[in-house]
Amino acid sequence: VQLQASGGGLVQAGGSLRLSCAASGRTFSSYAMGWFRQAPGKEREFVVAIHWNGHSTYYADSVKGRFTISRDNAKNTVYLQMNSLKPEDTAVYYCAAARRFIATTQSEYSYWGQGTQVTVSS
């Protein structure tokens, strides 16, 4: 599985962005998908994950109520809608795929995209 993340950019605090992650391969629907982020000087952290069928999701407490993950298996794409963005959301965002029911830790993910920069100005 190859992953290509896009949609990052510069936005003011309170604004919104939608990230996309396009996957190659015919077995996309068999993978749990997740988003992680890494801020400057910090370790990469879990943001959100979605089950292969889209029926289950898990969010980090820091983004609950503001971010929404979704997927379109027909388009081999997972989305991350980010609303009410805060300066502390500034990071490189990575999408990842795991051949699991659901996964919330980095070690469970086998495939990673290249990352897309999100910068939130105050």
PDB file of N, CA and C in Angstrom:
ATOM      1  N   VAL A   1       0.850  -1.194   0.000  1.00  0.00           N
ATOM      2  CA  VAL A   1       0.000   0.000   0.000  1.00  0.00           C
ATOM      3  C   VAL A   1       0.885   1.244   0.000  1.00  0.00           C
ATOM      4  N   GLN A   2       0.634   2.126  -0.936  1.00  0.00           N
ATOM      5  CA  GLN A   2       1.326   3.415  -0.968  1.00  0.00           C
ATOM      6  C   GLN A   2       0.324   4.507  -0.639  1.00  0.00           C
ATOM      7  N   LEU A   3       0.759   5.461   0.191  1.00  0.00           N
ATOM      8  CA  LEU A   3      -0.131   6.500   0.681  1.00  0.00           C
ATOM      9  C   LEU A   3       0.393   7.868   0.287  1.00  0.00           C
ATOM     10  N   GLN A   4      -0.515   8.727  -0.112  1.00  0.00           N
ATOM     11  CA  GLN A   4      -0.162  10.092  -0.510  1.00  0.00           C
ATOM     12  C   GLN A   4      -1.083  11.057   0.219  1.00  0.00           C
ATOM     13  N   ALA A   5      -0.508  11.800   1.157  1.00  0.00           N
ATOM     14  CA  ALA A   5      -1.292  12.770   1.917  1.00  0.00           C
ATOM     15  C   ALA A   5      -1.246  14.138   1.238  1.00  0.00           C
ATOM     16  N   SER A   6      -2.333  14.869   1.358  1.00  0.00           N
ATOM     17  CA  SER A   6      -2.402  16.209   0.787  1.00  0.00           C
ATOM     18  C   SER A   6      -3.412  17.043   1.573  1.00  0.00           C
ATOM     19  N   GLY A   7      -3.433  18.349   1.281  1.00  0.00           N
ATOM     20  CA  GLY A   7      -4.429  19.220   1.866  1.00  0.00           C
ATOM     21  C   GLY A   7      -3.929  20.130   2.975  1.00  0.00           C
ATOM     22  N   GLY A   8      -2.677  19.977   3.354  1.00  0.00           N
ATOM     23  CA  GLY A   8      -2.144  20.849   4.387  1.00  0.00           C
ATOM     24  C   GLY A   8      -1.995  22.281   3.891  1.00  0.00           C
ATOM     25  N   GLY A   9      -1.690  23.165   4.829  1.00  0.00           N
ATOM     26  CA  GLY A   9      -1.507  24.553   4.463  1.00  0.00           C
ATOM     27  C   GLY A   9      -1.440  25.440   5.686  1.00  0.00           C
ATOM     28  N   LEU A  10      -1.542  26.732   5.428  1.00  0.00           N
ATOM     29  CA  LEU A  10      -1.498  27.740   6.480  1.00  0.00           C
ATOM     30  C   LEU A  10      -2.912  28.268   6.711  1.00  0.00           C
ATOM     31  N   VAL A  11      -3.336  28.272   7.965  1.00  0.00           N
ATOM     32  CA  VAL A  11      -4.682  28.733   8.290  1.00  0.00           C
ATOM     33  C   VAL A  11      -4.630  29.487   9.612  1.00  0.00           C
ATOM     34  N   GLN A  12      -5.545  30.421   9.775  1.00  0.00           N
ATOM     35  CA  GLN A  12      -5.616  31.155  11.034  1.00  0.00           C
ATOM     36  C   GLN A  12      -6.329  30.323  12.102  1.00  0.00           C
ATOM     37  N   ALA A  13      -6.033  30.622  13.331  1.00  0.00           N
ATOM     38  CA  ALA A  13      -6.710  29.945  14.437  1.00  0.00           C
ATOM     39  C   ALA A  13      -8.219  30.087  14.293  1.00  0.00           C
ATOM     40  N   GLY A  14      -8.915  28.988  14.530  1.00  0.00           N
ATOM     41  CA  GLY A  14     -10.359  28.962  14.360  1.00  0.00           C
ATOM     42  C   GLY A  14     -10.798  28.506  12.986  1.00  0.00           C
ATOM     43  N   GLY A  15      -9.863  28.418  12.076  1.00  0.00           N
ATOM     44  CA  GLY A  15     -10.180  28.009  10.721  1.00  0.00           C
ATOM     45  C   GLY A  15     -10.251  26.504  10.551  1.00  0.00           C
ATOM     46  N   SER A  16     -10.423  26.086   9.298  1.00  0.00           N
ATOM     47  CA  SER A  16     -10.593  24.666   8.983  1.00  0.00           C
ATOM     48  C   SER A  16      -9.699  24.252   7.824  1.00  0.00           C
ATOM     49  N   LEU A  17      -9.360  22.993   7.828  1.00  0.00           N
ATOM     50  CA  LEU A  17      -8.661  22.360   6.719  1.00  0.00           C
ATOM     51  C   LEU A  17      -9.176  20.935   6.576  1.00  0.00           C
ATOM     52  N   ARG A  18      -9.090  20.406   5.366  1.00  0.00           N
ATOM     53  CA  ARG A  18      -9.408  19.000   5.159  1.00  0.00           C
ATOM     54  C   ARG A  18      -8.214  18.316   4.515  1.00  0.00           C
ATOM     55  N   LEU A  19      -7.696  17.337   5.203  1.00  0.00           N
ATOM     56  CA  LEU A  19      -6.606  16.539   4.672  1.00  0.00           C
ATOM     57  C   LEU A  19      -7.173  15.320   3.954  1.00  0.00           C
ATOM     58  N   SER A  20      -6.463  14.901   2.929  1.00  0.00           N
ATOM     59  CA  SER A  20      -6.823  13.689   2.209  1.00  0.00           C
ATOM     60  C   SER A  20      -5.624  12.762   2.184  1.00  0.00           C
ATOM     61  N   CYS A  21      -5.918  11.491   2.129  1.00  0.00           N
ATOM     62  CA  CYS A  21      -4.859  10.485   2.000  1.00  0.00           C
ATOM     63  C   CYS A  21      -5.334   9.465   0.980  1.00  0.00           C
ATOM     64  N   ALA A  22      -4.693   9.480  -0.178  1.00  0.00           N
ATOM     65  CA  ALA A  22      -5.049   8.561  -1.245  1.00  0.00           C
ATOM     66  C   ALA A  22      -4.147   7.337  -1.180  1.00  0.00           C
ATOM     67  N   ALA A  23      -4.756   6.166  -1.287  1.00  0.00           N
ATOM     68  CA  ALA A  23      -4.013   4.912  -1.193  1.00  0.00           C
ATOM     69  C   ALA A  23      -4.033   4.168  -2.512  1.00  0.00           C
ATOM     70  N   SER A  24      -2.938   3.524  -2.794  1.00  0.00           N
ATOM     71  CA  SER A  24      -2.881   2.663  -3.968  1.00  0.00           C
ATOM     72  C   SER A  24      -3.216   1.244  -3.534  1.00  0.00           C
ATOM     73  N   GLY A  25      -3.507   0.388  -4.481  1.00  0.00           N
ATOM     74  CA  GLY A  25      -3.773  -1.001  -4.130  1.00  0.00           C
ATOM     75  C   GLY A  25      -5.248  -1.315  -4.066  1.00  0.00           C
ATOM     76  N   ARG A  26      -5.555  -2.594  -4.266  1.00  0.00           N
ATOM     77  CA  ARG A  26      -6.945  -3.005  -4.327  1.00  0.00           C
ATOM     78  C   ARG A  26      -7.488  -3.468  -2.992  1.00  0.00           C
ATOM     79  N   THR A  27      -6.635  -3.472  -1.949  1.00  0.00           N
ATOM     80  CA  THR A  27      -7.080  -3.982  -0.658  1.00  0.00           C
ATOM     81  C   THR A  27      -7.239  -2.883   0.376  1.00  0.00           C
ATOM     82  N   PHE A  28      -7.425  -1.668  -0.072  1.00  0.00           N
ATOM     83  CA  PHE A  28      -7.553  -0.532   0.837  1.00  0.00           C
ATOM     84  C   PHE A  28      -8.620  -0.778   1.884  1.00  0.00           C
ATOM     85  N   SER A  29      -9.734  -1.357   1.489  1.00  0.00           N
ATOM     86  CA  SER A  29     -10.849  -1.561   2.401  1.00  0.00           C
ATOM     87  C   SER A  29     -10.535  -2.575   3.497  1.00  0.00           C
ATOM     88  N   SER A  30      -9.419  -3.256   3.409  1.00  0.00           N
ATOM     89  CA  SER A  30      -9.015  -4.223   4.431  1.00  0.00           C
ATOM     90  C   SER A  30      -8.168  -3.608   5.531  1.00  0.00           C
ATOM     91  N   TYR A  31      -7.841  -2.334   5.400  1.00  0.00           N
ATOM     92  CA  TYR A  31      -6.916  -1.678   6.312  1.00  0.00           C
ATOM     93  C   TYR A  31      -7.614  -0.675   7.222  1.00  0.00           C
ATOM     94  N   ALA A  32      -7.231  -0.722   8.477  1.00  0.00           N
ATOM     95  CA  ALA A  32      -7.541   0.400   9.346  1.00  0.00           C
ATOM     96  C   ALA A  32      -6.639   1.561   8.930  1.00  0.00           C
ATOM     97  N   MET A  33      -7.145   2.764   9.029  1.00  0.00           N
ATOM     98  CA  MET A  33      -6.380   3.942   8.645  1.00  0.00           C
ATOM     99  C   MET A  33      -6.262   4.888   9.834  1.00  0.00           C
ATOM    100  N   GLY A  34      -5.147   5.566   9.883  1.00  0.00           N
ATOM    101  CA  GLY A  34      -4.939   6.491  10.991  1.00  0.00           C
ATOM    102  C   GLY A  34      -4.221   7.748  10.541  1.00  0.00           C
ATOM    103  N   TRP A  35      -4.348   8.769  11.371  1.00  0.00           N
ATOM    104  CA  TRP A  35      -3.590  10.003  11.191  1.00  0.00           C
ATOM    105  C   TRP A  35      -2.753  10.226  12.450  1.00  0.00           C
ATOM    106  N   PHE A  36      -1.525  10.595  12.219  1.00  0.00           N
ATOM    107  CA  PHE A  36      -0.611  10.963  13.289  1.00  0.00           C
ATOM    108  C   PHE A  36      -0.058  12.349  12.958  1.00  0.00           C
ATOM    109  N   ARG A  37       0.549  12.977  13.935  1.00  0.00           N
ATOM    110  CA  ARG A  37       1.168  14.273  13.677  1.00  0.00           C
ATOM    111  C   ARG A  37       2.438  14.430  14.493  1.00  0.00           C
ATOM    112  N   GLN A  38       3.322  15.246  13.969  1.00  0.00           N
ATOM    113  CA  GLN A  38       4.580  15.512  14.658  1.00  0.00           C
ATOM    114  C   GLN A  38       4.864  17.001  14.604  1.00  0.00           C
ATOM    115  N   ALA A  39       4.859  17.614  15.772  1.00  0.00           N
ATOM    116  CA  ALA A  39       5.174  19.034  15.897  1.00  0.00           C
ATOM    117  C   ALA A  39       6.686  19.198  16.046  1.00  0.00           C
ATOM    118  N   PRO A  40       7.206  20.363  15.721  1.00  0.00           N
ATOM    119  CA  PRO A  40       8.651  20.594  15.840  1.00  0.00           C
ATOM    120  C   PRO A  40       9.152  20.306  17.252  1.00  0.00           C
ATOM    121  N   GLY A  41      10.188  19.499  17.330  1.00  0.00           N
ATOM    122  CA  GLY A  41      10.788  19.191  18.617  1.00  0.00           C
ATOM    123  C   GLY A  41      10.028  18.194  19.463  1.00  0.00           C
ATOM    124  N   LYS A  42       8.973  17.627  18.894  1.00  0.00           N
ATOM    125  CA  LYS A  42       8.167  16.671  19.657  1.00  0.00           C
ATOM    126  C   LYS A  42       8.106  15.332  18.936  1.00  0.00           C
ATOM    127  N   GLU A  43       7.702  14.321  19.670  1.00  0.00           N
ATOM    128  CA  GLU A  43       7.544  13.015  19.070  1.00  0.00           C
ATOM    129  C   GLU A  43       6.238  12.958  18.285  1.00  0.00           C
ATOM    130  N   ARG A  44       6.206  12.060  17.350  1.00  0.00           N
ATOM    131  CA  ARG A  44       4.982  11.860  16.581  1.00  0.00           C
ATOM    132  C   ARG A  44       3.912  11.272  17.500  1.00  0.00           C
ATOM    133  N   GLU A  45       2.689  11.782  17.343  1.00  0.00           N
ATOM    134  CA  GLU A  45       1.620  11.349  18.228  1.00  0.00           C
ATOM    135  C   GLU A  45       0.377  10.936  17.442  1.00  0.00           C
ATOM    136  N   PHE A  46      -0.405  10.081  18.061  1.00  0.00           N
ATOM    137  CA  PHE A  46      -1.653   9.609  17.473  1.00  0.00           C
ATOM    138  C   PHE A  46      -2.680  10.725  17.470  1.00  0.00           C
ATOM    139  N   VAL A  47      -3.434  10.810  16.372  1.00  0.00           N
ATOM    140  CA  VAL A  47      -4.518  11.795  16.268  1.00  0.00           C
ATOM    141  C   VAL A  47      -5.876  11.092  16.207  1.00  0.00           C
ATOM    142  N   VAL A  48      -6.021  10.189  15.230  1.00  0.00           N
ATOM    143  CA  VAL A  48      -7.315   9.552  15.031  1.00  0.00           C
ATOM    144  C   VAL A  48      -7.130   8.297  14.191  1.00  0.00           C
ATOM    145  N   ALA A  49      -8.041   7.338  14.364  1.00  0.00           N
ATOM    146  CA  ALA A  49      -8.023   6.125  13.554  1.00  0.00           C
ATOM    147  C   ALA A  49      -9.445   5.735  13.194  1.00  0.00           C
ATOM    148  N   ILE A  50      -9.559   4.995  12.088  1.00  0.00           N
ATOM    149  CA  ILE A  50     -10.858   4.549  11.631  1.00  0.00           C
ATOM    150  C   ILE A  50     -10.770   3.094  11.213  1.00  0.00           C
ATOM    151  N   HIS A  51     -11.790   2.337  11.578  1.00  0.00           N
ATOM    152  CA  HIS A  51     -11.877   0.934  11.219  1.00  0.00           C
ATOM    153  C   HIS A  51     -11.991   0.786   9.704  1.00  0.00           C
ATOM    154  N   TRP A  52     -11.662  -0.407   9.191  1.00  0.00           N
ATOM    155  CA  TRP A  52     -11.662  -0.603   7.753  1.00  0.00           C
ATOM    156  C   TRP A  52     -13.018  -0.338   7.131  1.00  0.00           C
ATOM    157  N   ASN A  53     -14.108  -0.588   7.855  1.00  0.00           N
ATOM    158  CA  ASN A  53     -15.431  -0.348   7.280  1.00  0.00           C
ATOM    159  C   ASN A  53     -15.994   1.016   7.657  1.00  0.00           C
ATOM    160  N   GLY A  54     -15.229   1.797   8.400  1.00  0.00           N
ATOM    161  CA  GLY A  54     -15.647   3.146   8.740  1.00  0.00           C
ATOM    162  C   GLY A  54     -16.617   3.246   9.895  1.00  0.00           C
ATOM    163  N   HIS A  55     -16.960   2.134  10.504  1.00  0.00           N
ATOM    164  CA  HIS A  55     -17.981   2.139  11.544  1.00  0.00           C
ATOM    165  C   HIS A  55     -17.437   2.475  12.927  1.00  0.00           C
ATOM    166  N   SER A  56     -16.141   2.367  13.110  1.00  0.00           N
ATOM    167  CA  SER A  56     -15.542   2.680  14.410  1.00  0.00           C
ATOM    168  C   SER A  56     -14.424   3.681  14.228  1.00  0.00           C
ATOM    169  N   THR A  57     -14.380   4.626  15.143  1.00  0.00           N
ATOM    170  CA  THR A  57     -13.317   5.633  15.110  1.00  0.00           C
ATOM    171  C   THR A  57     -12.791   5.881  16.521  1.00  0.00           C
ATOM    172  N   TYR A  58     -11.549   6.300  16.599  1.00  0.00           N
ATOM    173  CA  TYR A  58     -10.942   6.652  17.876  1.00  0.00           C
ATOM    174  C   TYR A  58     -10.209   7.975  17.703  1.00  0.00           C
ATOM    175  N   TYR A  59     -10.383   8.857  18.666  1.00  0.00           N
ATOM    176  CA  TYR A  59      -9.777  10.173  18.597  1.00  0.00           C
ATOM    177  C   TYR A  59      -8.905  10.435  19.821  1.00  0.00           C
ATOM    178  N   ALA A  60      -7.820  11.121  19.605  1.00  0.00           N
ATOM    179  CA  ALA A  60      -7.057  11.637  20.736  1.00  0.00           C
ATOM    180  C   ALA A  60      -7.900  12.696  21.439  1.00  0.00           C
ATOM    181  N   ASP A  61      -7.762  12.785  22.742  1.00  0.00           N
ATOM    182  CA  ASP A  61      -8.567  13.743  23.502  1.00  0.00           C
ATOM    183  C   ASP A  61      -8.366  15.172  23.011  1.00  0.00           C
ATOM    184  N   SER A  62      -7.178  15.455  22.532  1.00  0.00           N
ATOM    185  CA  SER A  62      -6.859  16.822  22.125  1.00  0.00           C
ATOM    186  C   SER A  62      -7.624  17.284  20.885  1.00  0.00           C
ATOM    187  N   VAL A  63      -8.190  16.346  20.132  1.00  0.00           N
ATOM    188  CA  VAL A  63      -8.884  16.728  18.894  1.00  0.00           C
ATOM    189  C   VAL A  63     -10.360  16.351  18.896  1.00  0.00           C
ATOM    190  N   LYS A  64     -10.816  15.689  19.923  1.00  0.00           N
ATOM    191  CA  LYS A  64     -12.223  15.285  19.992  1.00  0.00           C
ATOM    192  C   LYS A  64     -13.137  16.500  19.882  1.00  0.00           C
ATOM    193  N   GLY A  65     -14.159  16.342  19.057  1.00  0.00           N
ATOM    194  CA  GLY A  65     -15.109  17.426  18.868  1.00  0.00           C
ATOM    195  C   GLY A  65     -14.694  18.452  17.836  1.00  0.00           C
ATOM    196  N   ARG A  66     -13.441  18.382  17.392  1.00  0.00           N
ATOM    197  CA  ARG A  66     -12.947  19.342  16.385  1.00  0.00           C
ATOM    198  C   ARG A  66     -12.559  18.663  15.078  1.00  0.00           C
ATOM    199  N   PHE A  67     -12.024  17.461  15.167  1.00  0.00           N
ATOM    200  CA  PHE A  67     -11.578  16.728  13.987  1.00  0.00           C
ATOM    201  C   PHE A  67     -12.542  15.584  13.709  1.00  0.00           C
ATOM    202  N   THR A  68     -12.687  15.268  12.415  1.00  0.00           N
ATOM    203  CA  THR A  68     -13.526  14.149  12.011  1.00  0.00           C
ATOM    204  C   THR A  68     -12.813  13.350  10.925  1.00  0.00           C
ATOM    205  N   ILE A  69     -12.682  12.067  11.158  1.00  0.00           N
ATOM    206  CA  ILE A  69     -12.091  11.190  10.146  1.00  0.00           C
ATOM    207  C   ILE A  69     -13.207  10.476   9.403  1.00  0.00           C
ATOM    208  N   SER A  70     -12.991  10.250   8.128  1.00  0.00           N
ATOM    209  CA  SER A  70     -13.934   9.493   7.314  1.00  0.00           C
ATOM    210  C   SER A  70     -13.154   8.807   6.204  1.00  0.00           C
ATOM    211  N   ARG A  71     -13.796   7.876   5.555  1.00  0.00           N
ATOM    212  CA  ARG A  71     -13.135   7.186   4.455  1.00  0.00           C
ATOM    213  C   ARG A  71     -14.138   6.856   3.367  1.00  0.00           C
ATOM    214  N   ASP A  72     -13.620   6.789   2.149  1.00  0.00           N
ATOM    215  CA  ASP A  72     -14.403   6.390   0.990  1.00  0.00           C
ATOM    216  C   ASP A  72     -13.644   5.233   0.347  1.00  0.00           C
ATOM    217  N   ASN A  73     -14.071   4.031   0.647  1.00  0.00           N
ATOM    218  CA  ASN A  73     -13.346   2.864   0.143  1.00  0.00           C
ATOM    219  C   ASN A  73     -13.434   2.736  -1.375  1.00  0.00           C
ATOM    220  N   ALA A  74     -14.467   3.275  -1.964  1.00  0.00           N
ATOM    221  CA  ALA A  74     -14.591   3.240  -3.421  1.00  0.00           C
ATOM    222  C   ALA A  74     -13.527   4.116  -4.079  1.00  0.00           C
ATOM    223  N   LYS A  75     -13.077   5.144  -3.353  1.00  0.00           N
ATOM    224  CA  LYS A  75     -12.056   6.061  -3.883  1.00  0.00           C
ATOM    225  C   LYS A  75     -10.683   5.816  -3.265  1.00  0.00           C
ATOM    226  N   ASN A  76     -10.590   4.802  -2.412  1.00  0.00           N
ATOM    227  CA  ASN A  76      -9.314   4.502  -1.742  1.00  0.00           C
ATOM    228  C   ASN A  76      -8.757   5.728  -1.031  1.00  0.00           C
ATOM    229  N   THR A  77      -9.608   6.442  -0.368  1.00  0.00           N
ATOM    230  CA  THR A  77      -9.195   7.701   0.248  1.00  0.00           C
ATOM    231  C   THR A  77      -9.756   7.829   1.663  1.00  0.00           C
ATOM    232  N   VAL A  78      -8.929   8.357   2.544  1.00  0.00           N
ATOM    233  CA  VAL A  78      -9.367   8.697   3.891  1.00  0.00           C
ATOM    234  C   VAL A  78      -9.201  10.198   4.063  1.00  0.00           C
ATOM    235  N   TYR A  79     -10.113  10.795   4.818  1.00  0.00           N
ATOM    236  CA  TYR A  79     -10.129  12.236   4.994  1.00  0.00           C
ATOM    237  C   TYR A  79     -10.016  12.593   6.472  1.00  0.00           C
ATOM    238  N   LEU A  80      -9.467  13.762   6.706  1.00  0.00           N
ATOM    239  CA  LEU A  80      -9.442  14.304   8.066  1.00  0.00           C
ATOM    240  C   LEU A  80      -9.930  15.743   7.980  1.00  0.00           C
ATOM    241  N   GLN A  81     -11.148  15.955   8.453  1.00  0.00           N
ATOM    242  CA  GLN A  81     -11.705  17.299   8.520  1.00  0.00           C
ATOM    243  C   GLN A  81     -11.305  17.913   9.850  1.00  0.00           C
ATOM    244  N   MET A  82     -10.613  19.038   9.782  1.00  0.00           N
ATOM    245  CA  MET A  82     -10.117  19.695  10.990  1.00  0.00           C
ATOM    246  C   MET A  82     -10.779  21.061  11.118  1.00  0.00           C
ATOM    247  N   ASN A  83     -11.551  21.232  12.156  1.00  0.00           N
ATOM    248  CA  ASN A  83     -12.236  22.485  12.422  1.00  0.00           C
ATOM    249  C   ASN A  83     -11.718  23.107  13.720  1.00  0.00           C
ATOM    250  N   SER A  84     -12.023  24.362  13.905  1.00  0.00           N
ATOM    251  CA  SER A  84     -11.617  25.082  15.124  1.00  0.00           C
ATOM    252  C   SER A  84     -10.138  24.866  15.420  1.00  0.00           C
ATOM    253  N   LEU A  85      -9.337  25.036  14.402  1.00  0.00           N
ATOM    254  CA  LEU A  85      -7.911  24.768  14.545  1.00  0.00           C
ATOM    255  C   LEU A  85      -7.251  25.725  15.525  1.00  0.00           C
ATOM    256  N   LYS A  86      -6.266  25.190  16.228  1.00  0.00           N
ATOM    257  CA  LYS A  86      -5.531  25.941  17.229  1.00  0.00           C
ATOM    258  C   LYS A  86      -4.043  25.965  16.849  1.00  0.00           C
ATOM    259  N   PRO A  87      -3.303  26.936  17.319  1.00  0.00           N
ATOM    260  CA  PRO A  87      -1.864  26.961  17.028  1.00  0.00           C
ATOM    261  C   PRO A  87      -1.160  25.669  17.445  1.00  0.00           C
ATOM    262  N   GLU A  88      -1.631  25.041  18.491  1.00  0.00           N
ATOM    263  CA  GLU A  88      -1.006  23.785  18.946  1.00  0.00           C
ATOM    264  C   GLU A  88      -1.293  22.598  18.028  1.00  0.00           C
ATOM    265  N   ASP A  89      -2.142  22.795  17.033  1.00  0.00           N
ATOM    266  CA  ASP A  89      -2.365  21.759  16.019  1.00  0.00           C
ATOM    267  C   ASP A  89      -1.297  21.809  14.922  1.00  0.00           C
ATOM    268  N   THR A  90      -0.455  22.816  14.960  1.00  0.00           N
ATOM    269  CA  THR A  90       0.608  22.934  13.963  1.00  0.00           C
ATOM    270  C   THR A  90       1.543  21.731  14.032  1.00  0.00           C
ATOM    271  N   ALA A  91       1.698  21.064  12.899  1.00  0.00           N
ATOM    272  CA  ALA A  91       2.505  19.844  12.841  1.00  0.00           C
ATOM    273  C   ALA A  91       2.529  19.328  11.413  1.00  0.00           C
ATOM    274  N   VAL A  92       3.387  18.357  11.194  1.00  0.00           N
ATOM    275  CA  VAL A  92       3.318  17.568   9.965  1.00  0.00           C
ATOM    276  C   VAL A  92       2.367  16.408  10.254  1.00  0.00           C
ATOM    277  N   TYR A  93       1.382  16.256   9.396  1.00  0.00           N
ATOM    278  CA  TYR A  93       0.370  15.221   9.584  1.00  0.00           C
ATOM    279  C   TYR A  93       0.669  14.058   8.633  1.00  0.00           C
ATOM    280  N   TYR A  94       0.651  12.863   9.189  1.00  0.00           N
ATOM    281  CA  TYR A  94       0.927  11.649   8.438  1.00  0.00           C
ATOM    282  C   TYR A  94      -0.281  10.731   8.450  1.00  0.00           C
ATOM    283  N   CYS A  95      -0.586  10.149   7.298  1.00  0.00           N
ATOM    284  CA  CYS A  95      -1.583   9.089   7.284  1.00  0.00           C
ATOM    285  C   CYS A  95      -0.855   7.753   7.267  1.00  0.00           C
ATOM    286  N   ALA A  96      -1.526   6.748   7.778  1.00  0.00           N
ATOM    287  CA  ALA A  96      -0.915   5.427   7.886  1.00  0.00           C
ATOM    288  C   ALA A  96      -1.977   4.359   7.742  1.00  0.00           C
ATOM    289  N   ALA A  97      -1.521   3.161   7.340  1.00  0.00           N
ATOM    290  CA  ALA A  97      -2.419   2.031   7.128  1.00  0.00           C
ATOM    291  C   ALA A  97      -1.954   0.836   7.949  1.00  0.00           C
ATOM    292  N   ALA A  98      -2.914   0.142   8.532  1.00  0.00           N
ATOM    293  CA  ALA A  98      -2.620  -1.033   9.350  1.00  0.00           C
ATOM    294  C   ALA A  98      -3.560  -2.169   8.955  1.00  0.00           C
ATOM    295  N   ARG A  99      -2.991  -3.355   8.800  1.00  0.00           N
ATOM    296  CA  ARG A  99      -3.811  -4.517   8.446  1.00  0.00           C
ATOM    297  C   ARG A  99      -4.414  -5.078   9.728  1.00  0.00           C
ATOM    298  N   ARG A 100      -5.263  -4.276  10.313  1.00  0.00           N
ATOM    299  CA  ARG A 100      -5.885  -4.616  11.582  1.00  0.00           C
ATOM    300  C   ARG A 100      -7.307  -4.092  11.613  1.00  0.00           C
ATOM    301  N   PHE A 101      -8.056  -4.552  12.590  1.00  0.00           N
ATOM    302  CA  PHE A 101      -9.420  -4.082  12.814  1.00  0.00           C
ATOM    303  C   PHE A 101      -9.404  -2.587  13.084  1.00  0.00           C
ATOM    304  N   ILE A 102      -8.533  -2.187  13.997  1.00  0.00           N
ATOM    305  CA  ILE A 102      -8.370  -0.781  14.360  1.00  0.00           C
ATOM    306  C   ILE A 102      -6.992  -0.693  15.000  1.00  0.00           C
ATOM    307  N   ALA A 103      -6.358   0.438  14.918  1.00  0.00           N
ATOM    308  CA  ALA A 103      -5.015   0.589  15.474  1.00  0.00           C
ATOM    309  C   ALA A 103      -4.812   2.014  15.956  1.00  0.00           C
ATOM    310  N   THR A 104      -4.216   2.164  17.123  1.00  0.00           N
ATOM    311  CA  THR A 104      -4.021   3.488  17.696  1.00  0.00           C
ATOM    312  C   THR A 104      -2.569   3.772  18.073  1.00  0.00           C
ATOM    313  N   THR A 105      -1.673   2.830  17.850  1.00  0.00           N
ATOM    314  CA  THR A 105      -0.262   3.061  18.147  1.00  0.00           C
ATOM    315  C   THR A 105       0.568   2.956  16.881  1.00  0.00           C
ATOM    316  N   GLN A 106       1.667   3.681  16.845  1.00  0.00           N
ATOM    317  CA  GLN A 106       2.492   3.737  15.639  1.00  0.00           C
ATOM    318  C   GLN A 106       3.006   2.360  15.233  1.00  0.00           C
ATOM    319  N   SER A 107       3.339   1.562  16.204  1.00  0.00           N
ATOM    320  CA  SER A 107       3.938   0.259  15.899  1.00  0.00           C
ATOM    321  C   SER A 107       2.978  -0.677  15.189  1.00  0.00           C
ATOM    322  N   GLU A 108       1.683  -0.392  15.255  1.00  0.00           N
ATOM    323  CA  GLU A 108       0.696  -1.242  14.594  1.00  0.00           C
ATOM    324  C   GLU A 108       0.553  -0.923  13.106  1.00  0.00           C
ATOM    325  N   TYR A 109       1.099   0.206  12.698  1.00  0.00           N
ATOM    326  CA  TYR A 109       0.943   0.649  11.312  1.00  0.00           C
ATOM    327  C   TYR A 109       2.151   0.246  10.474  1.00  0.00           C
ATOM    328  N   SER A 110       1.860  -0.348   9.329  1.00  0.00           N
ATOM    329  CA  SER A 110       2.924  -0.849   8.464  1.00  0.00           C
ATOM    330  C   SER A 110       3.262   0.095   7.325  1.00  0.00           C
ATOM    331  N   TYR A 111       2.315   0.935   6.942  1.00  0.00           N
ATOM    332  CA  TYR A 111       2.510   1.798   5.790  1.00  0.00           C
ATOM    333  C   TYR A 111       2.246   3.256   6.178  1.00  0.00           C
ATOM    334  N   TRP A 112       3.119   4.136   5.673  1.00  0.00           N
ATOM    335  CA  TRP A 112       3.043   5.546   6.031  1.00  0.00           C
ATOM    336  C   TRP A 112       3.124   6.417   4.794  1.00  0.00           C
ATOM    337  N   GLY A 113       2.366   7.504   4.825  1.00  0.00           N
ATOM    338  CA  GLY A 113       2.484   8.511   3.787  1.00  0.00           C
ATOM    339  C   GLY A 113       3.630   9.452   4.096  1.00  0.00           C
ATOM    340  N   GLN A 114       3.854  10.413   3.219  1.00  0.00           N
ATOM    341  CA  GLN A 114       5.008  11.282   3.329  1.00  0.00           C
ATOM    342  C   GLN A 114       4.793  12.475   4.255  1.00  0.00           C
ATOM    343  N   GLY A 115       3.572  12.741   4.651  1.00  0.00           N
ATOM    344  CA  GLY A 115       3.298  13.851   5.551  1.00  0.00           C
ATOM    345  C   GLY A 115       2.896  15.116   4.803  1.00  0.00           C
ATOM    346  N   THR A 116       2.050  15.893   5.437  1.00  0.00           N
ATOM    347  CA  THR A 116       1.636  17.182   4.894  1.00  0.00           C
ATOM    348  C   THR A 116       1.641  18.197   6.034  1.00  0.00           C
ATOM    349  N   GLN A 117       2.187  19.375   5.767  1.00  0.00           N
ATOM    350  CA  GLN A 117       2.369  20.382   6.811  1.00  0.00           C
ATOM    351  C   GLN A 117       1.080  21.161   7.050  1.00  0.00           C
ATOM    352  N   VAL A 118       0.725  21.260   8.314  1.00  0.00           N
ATOM    353  CA  VAL A 118      -0.388  22.105   8.742  1.00  0.00           C
ATOM    354  C   VAL A 118       0.167  23.159   9.694  1.00  0.00           C
ATOM    355  N   THR A 119      -0.064  24.410   9.364  1.00  0.00           N
ATOM    356  CA  THR A 119       0.405  25.507  10.207  1.00  0.00           C
ATOM    357  C   THR A 119      -0.781  26.386  10.576  1.00  0.00           C
ATOM    358  N   VAL A 120      -0.971  26.574  11.864  1.00  0.00           N
ATOM    359  CA  VAL A 120      -2.076  27.379  12.359  1.00  0.00           C
ATOM    360  C   VAL A 120      -1.502  28.613  13.043  1.00  0.00           C
ATOM    361  N   SER A 121      -1.832  29.759  12.503  1.00  0.00           N
ATOM    362  CA  SER A 121      -1.318  31.013  13.061  1.00  0.00           C
ATOM    363  C   SER A 121      -2.291  31.575  14.100  1.00  0.00           C
ATOM    364  N   SER A 122      -1.724  32.256  15.073  1.00  0.00           N
ATOM    365  CA  SER A 122      -2.559  32.805  16.147  1.00  0.00           C
ATOM    366  C   SER A 122      -3.019  34.209  15.818  1.00  0.00           C
TER     367      SER A 122
END
